[in-house]
Amino acid sequence: MKAGIQDIAEQYWRAEETRDVAAILDYYHADGELIVPEMGKLRGHSEIKLFYEASINRFPSLQVEILSGFEVGERGAFEWRARFLDHEGRQWNLQGVNVVTVRDNRFEKVHVYYDSALLDESGLSPWKSASQ
């Protein structure tokens, strides 16, 4: 049965909140694409995994709320707000938009938009080391 794109997005974010990389990757096609600030275009599970591993290593706790969204055909856009907690218990808040393309109930392409400077108060980006 074909799920709605917002349903898939909500389920994906619940998986991301578990911080389980394998569960997160289940929402991507094996040849899927993830485009994120500072890391650019990541293709396939092996590259996409780098982003999520870096995020989980820096932020062991995450909560995501979908603020708004719409879908047309196989594409959707969702505004979200996230609250990350780092290992010292500091809270980092981020807001952004994911534009997604879905095929067979999995992400074919996810383009993430957010201001990475909001996570970079210390001068060290959470994901730069994963992309270098």
N, C-alpha and C. Protein backbone atom coordinates (compact mmCIF):
# COMPACT_ATOMS: atom_id res chain seq x y z
N MET A 1 0.83 -1.18 0.00
CA MET A 1 0.00 0.00 0.00
C MET A 1 0.88 1.25 0.00
N LYS A 2 0.51 2.21 -0.79
CA LYS A 2 1.27 3.44 -0.91
C LYS A 2 0.90 4.39 0.23
N ALA A 3 1.91 4.84 0.96
CA ALA A 3 1.71 5.77 2.07
C ALA A 3 1.80 7.20 1.55
N GLY A 4 1.18 8.13 2.27
CA GLY A 4 1.32 9.53 1.94
C GLY A 4 2.74 10.00 2.25
N ILE A 5 3.20 11.00 1.52
CA ILE A 5 4.56 11.47 1.71
C ILE A 5 4.75 12.05 3.11
N GLN A 6 3.76 12.78 3.63
CA GLN A 6 3.92 13.30 4.99
C GLN A 6 3.98 12.17 6.01
N ASP A 7 3.22 11.10 5.79
CA ASP A 7 3.30 9.94 6.69
C ASP A 7 4.71 9.35 6.67
N ILE A 8 5.29 9.24 5.49
CA ILE A 8 6.65 8.71 5.36
C ILE A 8 7.63 9.64 6.07
N ALA A 9 7.48 10.95 5.87
CA ALA A 9 8.37 11.92 6.53
C ALA A 9 8.26 11.82 8.04
N GLU A 10 7.05 11.71 8.55
CA GLU A 10 6.87 11.60 10.01
C GLU A 10 7.50 10.31 10.54
N GLN A 11 7.31 9.21 9.83
CA GLN A 11 7.91 7.94 10.26
C GLN A 11 9.43 8.01 10.21
N TYR A 12 9.96 8.65 9.16
CA TYR A 12 11.40 8.83 9.04
C TYR A 12 11.94 9.62 10.23
N TRP A 13 11.28 10.73 10.58
CA TRP A 13 11.78 11.53 11.70
C TRP A 13 11.68 10.77 13.02
N ARG A 14 10.68 9.93 13.18
CA ARG A 14 10.61 9.11 14.40
C ARG A 14 11.80 8.14 14.42
N ALA A 15 12.15 7.59 13.25
CA ALA A 15 13.33 6.71 13.17
C ALA A 15 14.60 7.50 13.48
N GLU A 16 14.69 8.73 12.95
CA GLU A 16 15.88 9.53 13.22
C GLU A 16 16.00 9.85 14.71
N GLU A 17 14.89 10.04 15.37
CA GLU A 17 14.92 10.31 16.82
C GLU A 17 15.46 9.11 17.61
N THR A 18 15.35 7.90 17.08
CA THR A 18 15.91 6.73 17.77
C THR A 18 17.43 6.72 17.69
N ARG A 19 18.00 7.49 16.75
CA ARG A 19 19.44 7.60 16.51
C ARG A 19 20.02 6.26 16.03
N ASP A 20 19.20 5.45 15.37
CA ASP A 20 19.58 4.14 14.83
C ASP A 20 19.80 4.30 13.32
N VAL A 21 21.06 4.28 12.90
CA VAL A 21 21.39 4.54 11.49
C VAL A 21 20.70 3.55 10.56
N ALA A 22 20.69 2.28 10.91
CA ALA A 22 20.05 1.28 10.04
C ALA A 22 18.56 1.58 9.87
N ALA A 23 17.90 1.97 10.93
CA ALA A 23 16.47 2.30 10.85
C ALA A 23 16.25 3.53 9.97
N ILE A 24 17.14 4.49 10.06
CA ILE A 24 17.04 5.70 9.24
C ILE A 24 17.24 5.36 7.77
N LEU A 25 18.27 4.57 7.47
CA LEU A 25 18.57 4.22 6.08
C LEU A 25 17.46 3.41 5.43
N ASP A 26 16.65 2.73 6.22
CA ASP A 26 15.50 2.00 5.66
C ASP A 26 14.53 2.92 4.93
N TYR A 27 14.58 4.21 5.21
CA TYR A 27 13.69 5.16 4.54
C TYR A 27 14.26 5.68 3.23
N TYR A 28 15.48 5.27 2.87
CA TYR A 28 16.13 5.69 1.63
C TYR A 28 16.26 4.49 0.69
N HIS A 29 16.09 4.75 -0.61
CA HIS A 29 16.46 3.75 -1.60
C HIS A 29 17.97 3.55 -1.53
N ALA A 30 18.44 2.38 -1.90
CA ALA A 30 19.87 2.08 -1.86
C ALA A 30 20.68 3.07 -2.69
N ASP A 31 20.08 3.60 -3.76
CA ASP A 31 20.76 4.58 -4.61
C ASP A 31 20.23 6.00 -4.37
N GLY A 32 19.61 6.23 -3.23
CA GLY A 32 19.02 7.53 -2.92
C GLY A 32 20.07 8.63 -2.77
N GLU A 33 19.58 9.87 -2.77
CA GLU A 33 20.45 11.04 -2.62
C GLU A 33 20.00 11.85 -1.42
N LEU A 34 21.00 12.37 -0.71
CA LEU A 34 20.77 13.31 0.39
C LEU A 34 21.67 14.50 0.14
N ILE A 35 21.08 15.68 0.08
CA ILE A 35 21.85 16.91 -0.12
C ILE A 35 21.70 17.74 1.15
N VAL A 36 22.84 18.04 1.80
CA VAL A 36 22.82 18.78 3.06
C VAL A 36 23.88 19.88 3.04
N PRO A 37 23.62 20.98 3.78
CA PRO A 37 24.63 22.03 3.88
C PRO A 37 25.96 21.45 4.36
N GLU A 38 27.04 21.95 3.83
CA GLU A 38 28.43 21.62 4.17
C GLU A 38 28.89 20.26 3.68
N MET A 39 27.99 19.34 3.40
CA MET A 39 28.42 18.02 2.91
C MET A 39 28.07 17.82 1.45
N GLY A 40 27.20 18.64 0.91
CA GLY A 40 26.83 18.52 -0.48
C GLY A 40 25.96 17.31 -0.76
N LYS A 41 26.15 16.73 -1.94
CA LYS A 41 25.32 15.61 -2.39
C LYS A 41 25.96 14.29 -1.97
N LEU A 42 25.19 13.51 -1.23
CA LEU A 42 25.60 12.18 -0.80
C LEU A 42 24.74 11.18 -1.54
N ARG A 43 25.38 10.17 -2.14
CA ARG A 43 24.64 9.18 -2.94
C ARG A 43 24.83 7.79 -2.35
N GLY A 44 23.72 7.09 -2.23
CA GLY A 44 23.76 5.71 -1.76
C GLY A 44 23.91 5.62 -0.25
N HIS A 45 23.55 4.47 0.27
CA HIS A 45 23.57 4.27 1.72
C HIS A 45 24.94 4.52 2.33
N SER A 46 26.02 4.12 1.66
CA SER A 46 27.35 4.26 2.27
C SER A 46 27.72 5.72 2.48
N GLU A 47 27.33 6.61 1.58
CA GLU A 47 27.62 8.04 1.76
C GLU A 47 26.61 8.70 2.70
N ILE A 48 25.34 8.38 2.54
CA ILE A 48 24.30 8.97 3.39
C ILE A 48 24.55 8.62 4.85
N LYS A 49 25.03 7.42 5.08
CA LYS A 49 25.32 6.95 6.43
C LYS A 49 26.31 7.88 7.14
N LEU A 50 27.26 8.46 6.41
CA LEU A 50 28.25 9.36 7.00
C LEU A 50 27.59 10.55 7.69
N PHE A 51 26.58 11.12 7.05
CA PHE A 51 25.88 12.26 7.64
C PHE A 51 25.22 11.87 8.96
N TYR A 52 24.49 10.77 8.94
CA TYR A 52 23.75 10.37 10.14
C TYR A 52 24.70 9.92 11.25
N GLU A 53 25.77 9.24 10.92
CA GLU A 53 26.74 8.84 11.95
C GLU A 53 27.35 10.06 12.61
N ALA A 54 27.71 11.07 11.82
CA ALA A 54 28.29 12.29 12.38
C ALA A 54 27.28 13.01 13.27
N SER A 55 26.03 13.08 12.83
CA SER A 55 24.99 13.72 13.62
C SER A 55 24.78 12.99 14.95
N ILE A 56 24.70 11.68 14.89
CA ILE A 56 24.47 10.88 16.09
C ILE A 56 25.66 10.97 17.04
N ASN A 57 26.88 10.97 16.50
CA ASN A 57 28.07 11.09 17.34
C ASN A 57 28.10 12.43 18.07
N ARG A 58 27.67 13.47 17.42
CA ARG A 58 27.68 14.81 18.04
C ARG A 58 26.46 15.02 18.92
N PHE A 59 25.30 14.51 18.50
CA PHE A 59 24.04 14.76 19.19
C PHE A 59 23.32 13.44 19.47
N PRO A 60 23.50 12.85 20.63
CA PRO A 60 22.86 11.57 20.93
C PRO A 60 21.35 11.65 21.14
N SER A 61 20.82 12.86 21.27
CA SER A 61 19.38 13.01 21.48
C SER A 61 18.82 14.01 20.47
N LEU A 62 17.65 13.69 19.93
CA LEU A 62 17.01 14.54 18.92
C LEU A 62 15.50 14.43 19.06
N GLN A 63 14.84 15.58 18.93
CA GLN A 63 13.38 15.62 18.82
C GLN A 63 13.04 16.51 17.63
N VAL A 64 12.12 16.04 16.78
CA VAL A 64 11.74 16.78 15.58
C VAL A 64 10.24 16.98 15.56
N GLU A 65 9.84 18.19 15.18
CA GLU A 65 8.42 18.52 15.03
C GLU A 65 8.21 19.05 13.61
N ILE A 66 7.23 18.51 12.90
CA ILE A 66 6.87 19.04 11.59
C ILE A 66 5.94 20.22 11.81
N LEU A 67 6.33 21.38 11.28
CA LEU A 67 5.54 22.60 11.46
C LEU A 67 4.51 22.77 10.36
N SER A 68 4.88 22.41 9.14
CA SER A 68 3.96 22.51 8.01
C SER A 68 4.50 21.66 6.88
N GLY A 69 3.66 21.40 5.91
CA GLY A 69 4.11 20.62 4.78
C GLY A 69 3.06 20.52 3.71
N PHE A 70 3.51 20.12 2.53
CA PHE A 70 2.59 19.84 1.44
C PHE A 70 3.22 18.81 0.53
N GLU A 71 2.38 18.16 -0.25
CA GLU A 71 2.87 17.18 -1.20
C GLU A 71 2.12 17.30 -2.51
N VAL A 72 2.84 17.06 -3.59
CA VAL A 72 2.27 17.07 -4.93
C VAL A 72 2.89 15.88 -5.67
N GLY A 73 2.06 14.93 -6.03
CA GLY A 73 2.58 13.74 -6.71
C GLY A 73 3.56 13.00 -5.83
N GLU A 74 4.77 12.81 -6.33
CA GLU A 74 5.81 12.08 -5.60
C GLU A 74 6.75 13.00 -4.82
N ARG A 75 6.42 14.28 -4.75
CA ARG A 75 7.29 15.24 -4.07
C ARG A 75 6.57 15.88 -2.91
N GLY A 76 7.36 16.29 -1.92
CA GLY A 76 6.80 16.98 -0.76
C GLY A 76 7.84 17.92 -0.18
N ALA A 77 7.37 18.90 0.58
CA ALA A 77 8.25 19.83 1.29
C ALA A 77 7.71 19.98 2.71
N PHE A 78 8.61 19.89 3.68
CA PHE A 78 8.20 19.90 5.07
C PHE A 78 9.10 20.82 5.89
N GLU A 79 8.47 21.80 6.52
CA GLU A 79 9.18 22.68 7.44
C GLU A 79 9.23 21.99 8.79
N TRP A 80 10.39 21.99 9.43
CA TRP A 80 10.57 21.28 10.68
C TRP A 80 11.34 22.12 11.69
N ARG A 81 11.19 21.73 12.94
CA ARG A 81 11.97 22.32 14.03
C ARG A 81 12.58 21.15 14.79
N ALA A 82 13.87 21.23 15.07
CA ALA A 82 14.57 20.15 15.76
C ALA A 82 15.26 20.68 17.02
N ARG A 83 15.30 19.81 18.01
CA ARG A 83 16.02 20.11 19.24
C ARG A 83 17.03 18.98 19.44
N PHE A 84 18.30 19.34 19.38
CA PHE A 84 19.39 18.39 19.58
C PHE A 84 19.96 18.58 20.98
N LEU A 85 20.38 17.50 21.60
CA LEU A 85 21.15 17.58 22.84
C LEU A 85 22.51 16.94 22.58
N ASP A 86 23.59 17.65 22.97
CA ASP A 86 24.92 17.08 22.80
C ASP A 86 25.29 16.27 24.05
N HIS A 87 26.50 15.74 24.06
CA HIS A 87 26.94 14.88 25.16
C HIS A 87 27.06 15.62 26.49
N GLU A 88 27.22 16.94 26.44
CA GLU A 88 27.30 17.74 27.66
C GLU A 88 25.92 18.19 28.13
N GLY A 89 24.87 17.80 27.41
CA GLY A 89 23.52 18.19 27.78
C GLY A 89 23.09 19.56 27.26
N ARG A 90 23.94 20.18 26.43
CA ARG A 90 23.58 21.47 25.85
C ARG A 90 22.55 21.26 24.74
N GLN A 91 21.61 22.17 24.68
CA GLN A 91 20.54 22.09 23.67
C GLN A 91 20.89 22.97 22.48
N TRP A 92 20.66 22.43 21.29
CA TRP A 92 20.88 23.14 20.04
C TRP A 92 19.57 23.09 19.27
N ASN A 93 19.06 24.25 18.90
CA ASN A 93 17.78 24.33 18.17
C ASN A 93 18.05 24.67 16.72
N LEU A 94 17.31 24.05 15.85
CA LEU A 94 17.49 24.24 14.42
C LEU A 94 16.13 24.16 13.75
N GLN A 95 15.96 24.98 12.73
CA GLN A 95 14.73 24.95 11.95
C GLN A 95 15.12 24.90 10.48
N GLY A 96 14.37 24.15 9.69
CA GLY A 96 14.70 24.03 8.28
C GLY A 96 13.57 23.45 7.48
N VAL A 97 13.90 23.09 6.25
CA VAL A 97 12.93 22.51 5.32
C VAL A 97 13.60 21.34 4.61
N ASN A 98 12.87 20.25 4.48
CA ASN A 98 13.29 19.12 3.65
C ASN A 98 12.37 19.06 2.44
N VAL A 99 12.97 19.02 1.26
CA VAL A 99 12.23 18.80 0.02
C VAL A 99 12.57 17.38 -0.41
N VAL A 100 11.53 16.55 -0.57
CA VAL A 100 11.75 15.13 -0.80
C VAL A 100 11.06 14.64 -2.07
N THR A 101 11.65 13.63 -2.66
CA THR A 101 11.02 12.86 -3.74
C THR A 101 10.94 11.42 -3.25
N VAL A 102 9.75 10.83 -3.36
CA VAL A 102 9.51 9.49 -2.85
C VAL A 102 9.14 8.56 -4.01
N ARG A 103 9.70 7.36 -3.97
CA ARG A 103 9.35 6.30 -4.91
C ARG A 103 9.18 5.02 -4.10
N ASP A 104 8.05 4.35 -4.28
CA ASP A 104 7.79 3.09 -3.58
C ASP A 104 7.97 3.23 -2.06
N ASN A 105 7.44 4.33 -1.52
CA ASN A 105 7.43 4.58 -0.07
C ASN A 105 8.80 4.79 0.56
N ARG A 106 9.81 5.11 -0.25
CA ARG A 106 11.14 5.42 0.26
C ARG A 106 11.65 6.68 -0.42
N PHE A 107 12.58 7.34 0.26
CA PHE A 107 13.16 8.55 -0.30
C PHE A 107 14.08 8.21 -1.47
N GLU A 108 13.81 8.86 -2.58
CA GLU A 108 14.70 8.80 -3.72
C GLU A 108 15.70 9.95 -3.62
N LYS A 109 15.18 11.10 -3.14
CA LYS A 109 16.02 12.29 -2.99
C LYS A 109 15.49 13.11 -1.82
N VAL A 110 16.41 13.59 -1.00
CA VAL A 110 16.09 14.50 0.11
C VAL A 110 17.06 15.67 0.01
N HIS A 111 16.51 16.87 -0.10
CA HIS A 111 17.32 18.08 -0.10
C HIS A 111 16.97 18.86 1.16
N VAL A 112 17.96 19.01 2.04
CA VAL A 112 17.76 19.63 3.34
C VAL A 112 18.27 21.06 3.30
N TYR A 113 17.46 21.99 3.79
CA TYR A 113 17.83 23.39 3.88
C TYR A 113 17.77 23.82 5.34
N TYR A 114 18.88 24.34 5.86
CA TYR A 114 18.92 24.92 7.20
C TYR A 114 20.16 25.80 7.29
N ASP A 115 20.20 26.64 8.30
CA ASP A 115 21.34 27.52 8.52
C ASP A 115 22.31 26.80 9.44
N SER A 116 23.37 26.24 8.87
CA SER A 116 24.32 25.46 9.67
C SER A 116 25.06 26.32 10.69
N ALA A 117 25.08 27.63 10.52
CA ALA A 117 25.74 28.51 11.49
C ALA A 117 25.06 28.42 12.86
N LEU A 118 23.78 28.06 12.88
CA LEU A 118 23.08 27.94 14.16
C LEU A 118 23.62 26.80 15.01
N LEU A 119 24.24 25.81 14.38
CA LEU A 119 24.85 24.70 15.11
C LEU A 119 26.35 24.89 15.30
N ASP A 120 26.86 26.02 14.89
CA ASP A 120 28.30 26.21 14.80
C ASP A 120 28.80 27.32 15.71
N GLU A 121 28.18 27.53 16.85
CA GLU A 121 28.60 28.60 17.75
C GLU A 121 30.04 28.43 18.20
N SER A 122 30.50 27.22 18.32
CA SER A 122 31.86 26.96 18.79
C SER A 122 32.90 27.07 17.67
N GLY A 123 32.44 27.23 16.43
CA GLY A 123 33.37 27.27 15.31
C GLY A 123 33.67 25.90 14.74
N LEU A 124 33.06 24.86 15.28
CA LEU A 124 33.28 23.50 14.78
C LEU A 124 31.95 22.93 14.33
N SER A 125 31.81 22.74 13.05
CA SER A 125 30.57 22.18 12.51
C SER A 125 30.44 20.72 12.91
N PRO A 126 29.23 20.27 13.24
CA PRO A 126 29.05 18.88 13.62
C PRO A 126 29.33 17.90 12.50
N TRP A 127 29.27 18.33 11.25
CA TRP A 127 29.41 17.38 10.15
C TRP A 127 30.65 17.59 9.30
N LYS A 128 31.43 18.62 9.52
CA LYS A 128 32.59 18.85 8.68
C LYS A 128 33.57 17.69 8.71
N SER A 129 33.80 17.12 9.88
CA SER A 129 34.78 16.04 9.95
C SER A 129 34.35 14.81 9.16
N ALA A 130 33.04 14.59 9.03
CA ALA A 130 32.55 13.44 8.27
C ALA A 130 32.76 13.62 6.78
N SER A 131 32.83 14.87 6.32
CA SER A 131 32.93 15.11 4.88
C SER A 131 34.37 15.30 4.43
N GLN A 132 35.30 15.37 5.35
CA GLN A 132 36.69 15.61 4.98
C GLN A 132 37.45 14.33 4.85
